[in-house]
C-alpha atoms as a PDB file:
ATOM      1  CA  MET A   1       6.404 -31.973 -22.684  1.00  0.00           C
ATOM      2  CA  LYS A   2       8.762 -29.012 -22.990  1.00  0.00           C
ATOM      3  CA  LEU A   3       6.028 -26.810 -21.568  1.00  0.00           C
ATOM      4  CA  ARG A   4       6.145 -28.443 -18.110  1.00  0.00           C
ATOM      5  CA  PRO A   5       9.632 -27.178 -17.095  1.00  0.00           C
ATOM      6  CA  PHE A   6       8.621 -23.700 -18.289  1.00  0.00           C
ATOM      7  CA  LEU A   7       5.387 -23.763 -16.274  1.00  0.00           C
ATOM      8  CA  PHE A   8       7.217 -25.118 -13.244  1.00  0.00           C
ATOM      9  CA  THR A   9       9.767 -22.279 -13.498  1.00  0.00           C
ATOM     10  CA  CYS A  10       6.977 -19.708 -13.810  1.00  0.00           C
ATOM     11  CA  LEU A  11       5.195 -21.115 -10.752  1.00  0.00           C
ATOM     12  CA  LEU A  12       8.434 -21.090  -8.777  1.00  0.00           C
ATOM     13  CA  ILE A  13       9.102 -17.448  -9.685  1.00  0.00           C
ATOM     14  CA  LEU A  14       5.524 -16.502  -8.805  1.00  0.00           C
ATOM     15  CA  ALA A  15       5.742 -18.310  -5.444  1.00  0.00           C
ATOM     16  CA  CYS A  16       9.005 -16.506  -4.602  1.00  0.00           C
ATOM     17  CA  PHE A  17       7.422 -13.179  -5.558  1.00  0.00           C
ATOM     18  CA  MET A  18       4.374 -13.856  -3.381  1.00  0.00           C
ATOM     19  CA  VAL A  19       6.548 -14.744  -0.373  1.00  0.00           C
ATOM     20  CA  GLY A  20       8.513 -11.519  -0.885  1.00  0.00           C
ATOM     21  CA  CYS A  21       5.287  -9.507  -0.978  1.00  0.00           C
ATOM     22  CA  GLN A  22       4.068 -11.210   2.198  1.00  0.00           C
ATOM     23  CA  ASP A  23       7.327 -10.371   3.980  1.00  0.00           C
ATOM     24  CA  LYS A  24       7.016  -6.717   2.930  1.00  0.00           C
ATOM     25  CA  LYS A  25       3.418  -6.592   4.125  1.00  0.00           C
ATOM     26  CA  GLU A  26       4.373  -8.284   7.396  1.00  0.00           C
ATOM     27  CA  ILE A  27       7.165  -5.749   7.974  1.00  0.00           C
ATOM     28  CA  GLU A  28       4.876  -2.812   7.179  1.00  0.00           C
ATOM     29  CA  ASN A  29       2.334  -4.151   9.687  1.00  0.00           C
ATOM     30  CA  ALA A  30       5.118  -4.587  12.246  1.00  0.00           C
ATOM     31  CA  LYS A  31       6.266  -0.988  11.697  1.00  0.00           C
ATOM     32  CA  GLN A  32       2.724   0.205  12.347  1.00  0.00           C
ATOM     33  CA  LYS A  33       2.537  -1.844  15.550  1.00  0.00           C
ATOM     34  CA  LEU A  34       5.930  -0.462  16.666  1.00  0.00           C
ATOM     35  CA  ASN A  35       4.668   3.078  16.019  1.00  0.00           C
ATOM     36  CA  GLU A  36       1.553   2.430  18.107  1.00  0.00           C
ATOM     37  CA  TYR A  37       3.622   0.988  20.974  1.00  0.00           C
ATOM     38  CA  CYS A  38       6.015   3.945  21.038  1.00  0.00           C
ATOM     39  CA  LEU A  39       3.185   6.483  20.877  1.00  0.00           C
ATOM     40  CA  LYS A  40       1.580   4.881  23.963  1.00  0.00           C
ATOM     41  CA  LEU A  41       4.644   5.506  26.140  1.00  0.00           C
ATOM     42  CA  PRO A  42       3.915   8.238  28.721  1.00  0.00           C
ATOM     43  CA  THR A  43       4.117  11.703  27.118  1.00  0.00           C
ATOM     44  CA  SER A  44       5.866  10.256  24.083  1.00  0.00           C
ATOM     45  CA  SER A  45       7.026  12.621  21.377  1.00  0.00           C
ATOM     46  CA  TYR A  46       7.590   9.715  18.990  1.00  0.00           C
ATOM     47  CA  GLN A  47       6.706  10.215  15.347  1.00  0.00           C
ATOM     48  CA  SER A  48       5.949   7.430  12.896  1.00  0.00           C
ATOM     49  CA  SER A  49       8.649   8.887  10.645  1.00  0.00           C
ATOM     50  CA  ASN A  50      11.347   8.144  13.260  1.00  0.00           C
ATOM     51  CA  ARG A  51      14.100   5.961  11.829  1.00  0.00           C
ATOM     52  CA  LYS A  52      13.665   2.228  12.180  1.00  0.00           C
ATOM     53  CA  TYR A  53      16.517  -0.245  11.953  1.00  0.00           C
ATOM     54  CA  MET A  54      16.445  -3.940  11.096  1.00  0.00           C
ATOM     55  CA  PHE A  55      18.786  -6.078  13.197  1.00  0.00           C
ATOM     56  CA  ASP A  56      18.517  -9.488  14.854  1.00  0.00           C
ATOM     57  CA  VAL A  57      18.867  -8.354  18.476  1.00  0.00           C
ATOM     58  CA  THR A  58      17.065 -11.411  19.875  1.00  0.00           C
ATOM     59  CA  GLU A  59      19.316 -13.759  17.864  1.00  0.00           C
ATOM     60  CA  ASP A  60      16.406 -15.912  16.676  1.00  0.00           C
ATOM     61  CA  GLY A  61      17.451 -15.759  13.019  1.00  0.00           C
ATOM     62  CA  THR A  62      14.995 -13.012  12.023  1.00  0.00           C
ATOM     63  CA  ASP A  63      15.709  -9.288  12.052  1.00  0.00           C
ATOM     64  CA  ASP A  64      13.852  -7.286  14.683  1.00  0.00           C
ATOM     65  CA  LEU A  65      12.573  -3.732  14.250  1.00  0.00           C
ATOM     66  CA  CYS A  66      14.512  -1.244  16.375  1.00  0.00           C
ATOM     67  CA  THR A  67      14.005   2.466  17.043  1.00  0.00           C
ATOM     68  CA  SER A  68      14.813   5.217  19.524  1.00  0.00           C
ATOM     69  CA  VAL A  69      12.042   7.048  21.364  1.00  0.00           C
ATOM     70  CA  PHE A  70      11.924  10.192  23.520  1.00  0.00           C
ATOM     71  CA  PHE A  71       9.298  10.055  26.283  1.00  0.00           C
ATOM     72  CA  GLY A  72       8.530  10.926  29.900  1.00  0.00           C
ATOM     73  CA  SER A  73       7.703  14.138  31.725  1.00  0.00           C
ATOM     74  CA  GLY A  74       9.212  14.202  35.217  1.00  0.00           C
ATOM     75  CA  MET A  75      12.205  12.181  34.028  1.00  0.00           C
ATOM     76  CA  PRO A  76      12.245  12.639  30.234  1.00  0.00           C
ATOM     77  CA  ARG A  77      14.632  10.289  28.472  1.00  0.00           C
ATOM     78  CA  VAL A  78      15.537   8.503  25.276  1.00  0.00           C
ATOM     79  CA  ALA A  79      15.221   4.720  25.107  1.00  0.00           C
ATOM     80  CA  VAL A  80      15.761   1.999  22.532  1.00  0.00           C
ATOM     81  CA  VAL A  81      12.739  -0.122  21.640  1.00  0.00           C
ATOM     82  CA  VAL A  82      13.165  -3.502  19.943  1.00  0.00           C
ATOM     83  CA  TYR A  83      10.149  -5.228  18.435  1.00  0.00           C
ATOM     84  CA  ASP A  84      10.489  -8.954  17.760  1.00  0.00           C
ATOM     85  CA  TYR A  85       7.531  -9.037  15.395  1.00  0.00           C
ATOM     86  CA  VAL A  86       7.802 -12.776  14.732  1.00  0.00           C
ATOM     87  CA  ASN A  87       7.104 -13.468  18.428  1.00  0.00           C
ATOM     88  CA  ASP A  88       5.104 -10.239  18.940  1.00  0.00           C
ATOM     89  CA  LYS A  89       7.258  -9.025  21.861  1.00  0.00           C
ATOM     90  CA  PHE A  90       8.658  -5.608  22.724  1.00  0.00           C
ATOM     91  CA  TYR A  91      11.885  -4.986  24.635  1.00  0.00           C
ATOM     92  CA  ASN A  92      13.162  -1.669  25.988  1.00  0.00           C
ATOM     93  CA  LEU A  93      16.654  -0.478  26.791  1.00  0.00           C
ATOM     94  CA  ASP A  94      15.787   2.277  29.232  1.00  0.00           C
ATOM     95  CA  GLY A  95      17.245   3.967  32.274  1.00  0.00           C
ATOM     96  CA  PHE A  96      16.113   6.850  34.441  1.00  0.00           C
ATOM     97  CA  LEU A  97      19.605   8.303  34.705  1.00  0.00           C
ATOM     98  CA  MET A  98      20.864   7.271  31.260  1.00  0.00           C
ATOM     99  CA  ASN A  99      19.633   7.900  27.724  1.00  0.00           C
ATOM    100  CA  TYR A 100      20.105   5.340  24.960  1.00  0.00           C
ATOM    101  CA  ARG A 101      19.798   5.969  21.234  1.00  0.00           C
ATOM    102  CA  ILE A 102      20.576   3.927  18.160  1.00  0.00           C
ATOM    103  CA  ASP A 103      23.504   5.312  16.214  1.00  0.00           C
ATOM    104  CA  ALA A 104      23.711   2.813  13.331  1.00  0.00           C
ATOM    105  CA  VAL A 105      23.764  -0.780  12.207  1.00  0.00           C
ATOM    106  CA  LYS A 106      27.261  -1.562  11.009  1.00  0.00           C
ATOM    107  CA  ASN A 107      30.026  -4.080  11.456  1.00  0.00           C
ATOM    108  CA  ASP A 108      27.341  -6.706  12.158  1.00  0.00           C
ATOM    109  CA  ARG A 109      26.073  -4.977  15.303  1.00  0.00           C
ATOM    110  CA  LEU A 110      23.462  -2.508  16.494  1.00  0.00           C
ATOM    111  CA  GLU A 111      25.503   0.483  17.625  1.00  0.00           C
ATOM    112  CA  ILE A 112      24.096   2.327  20.630  1.00  0.00           C
ATOM    113  CA  VAL A 113      25.119   5.578  22.298  1.00  0.00           C
ATOM    114  CA  ALA A 114      24.476   5.833  26.038  1.00  0.00           C
ATOM    115  CA  TYR A 115      24.615   9.380  27.357  1.00  0.00           C
ATOM    116  CA  THR A 116      23.844  11.843  30.133  1.00  0.00           C
ATOM    117  CA  GLU A 117      24.308  15.611  30.103  1.00  0.00           C
ATOM    118  CA  ASN A 118      28.025  15.253  30.814  1.00  0.00           C
ATOM    119  CA  LYS A 119      29.060  11.872  29.442  1.00  0.00           C
ATOM    120  CA  GLU A 120      28.701   9.771  26.277  1.00  0.00           C
ATOM    121  CA  GLN A 121      29.657   6.114  25.717  1.00  0.00           C
ATOM    122  CA  SER A 122      29.401   4.011  22.556  1.00  0.00           C
ATOM    123  CA  GLY A 123      28.500   0.349  22.657  1.00  0.00           C
ATOM    124  CA  THR A 124      25.924  -2.224  21.641  1.00  0.00           C
ATOM    125  CA  VAL A 125      23.142  -4.274  23.231  1.00  0.00           C
ATOM    126  CA  LYS A 126      23.114  -7.796  24.572  1.00  0.00           C
ATOM    127  CA  PHE A 127      19.897  -9.812  24.782  1.00  0.00           C
ATOM    128  CA  GLU A 128      19.750 -12.307  27.658  1.00  0.00           C
ATOM    129  CA  ASN A 129      16.785 -13.750  29.531  1.00  0.00           C
ATOM    130  CA  ASP A 130      14.368 -11.448  27.665  1.00  0.00           C
ATOM    131  CA  VAL A 131      16.265  -8.342  28.829  1.00  0.00           C
ATOM    132  CA  LEU A 132      18.266  -5.796  26.822  1.00  0.00           C
ATOM    133  CA  THR A 133      21.536  -4.681  28.406  1.00  0.00           C
ATOM    134  CA  PHE A 134      23.922  -1.984  27.217  1.00  0.00           C
ATOM    135  CA  VAL A 135      27.450  -3.265  26.597  1.00  0.00           C
ATOM    136  CA  PRO A 136      30.000  -0.429  26.376  1.00  0.00           C
ATOM    137  CA  ASP A 137      32.912  -0.633  23.922  1.00  0.00           C
END
């Protein structure tokens, strides 16, 4: 009879380990899908080694994958791409006259820098109605 609690504990630990492995595999697959998306942007110079950040931009309770990407030819620019891998949706913070890059995740926010040749502004992003918007500090 003393063996049952031990076996139950072992099964519980194994189940937790398996869920953790699944999450890691799911995130690795999501990173690959994010890489593929960014590489398909017109004349993208994105590299799979570009930094990826985990932050819940969509506020659905699960962290999203976020990265910055340089692309374009006539109007080259830097944009922020957010991949909500749970819902399999991509969102871009992009502007023809403004560049956006991720600076960091700190103080419970995704910190963004918006810039042109002459001006730079720090801020974050707001997600409303399936659209990313830059919110300056």
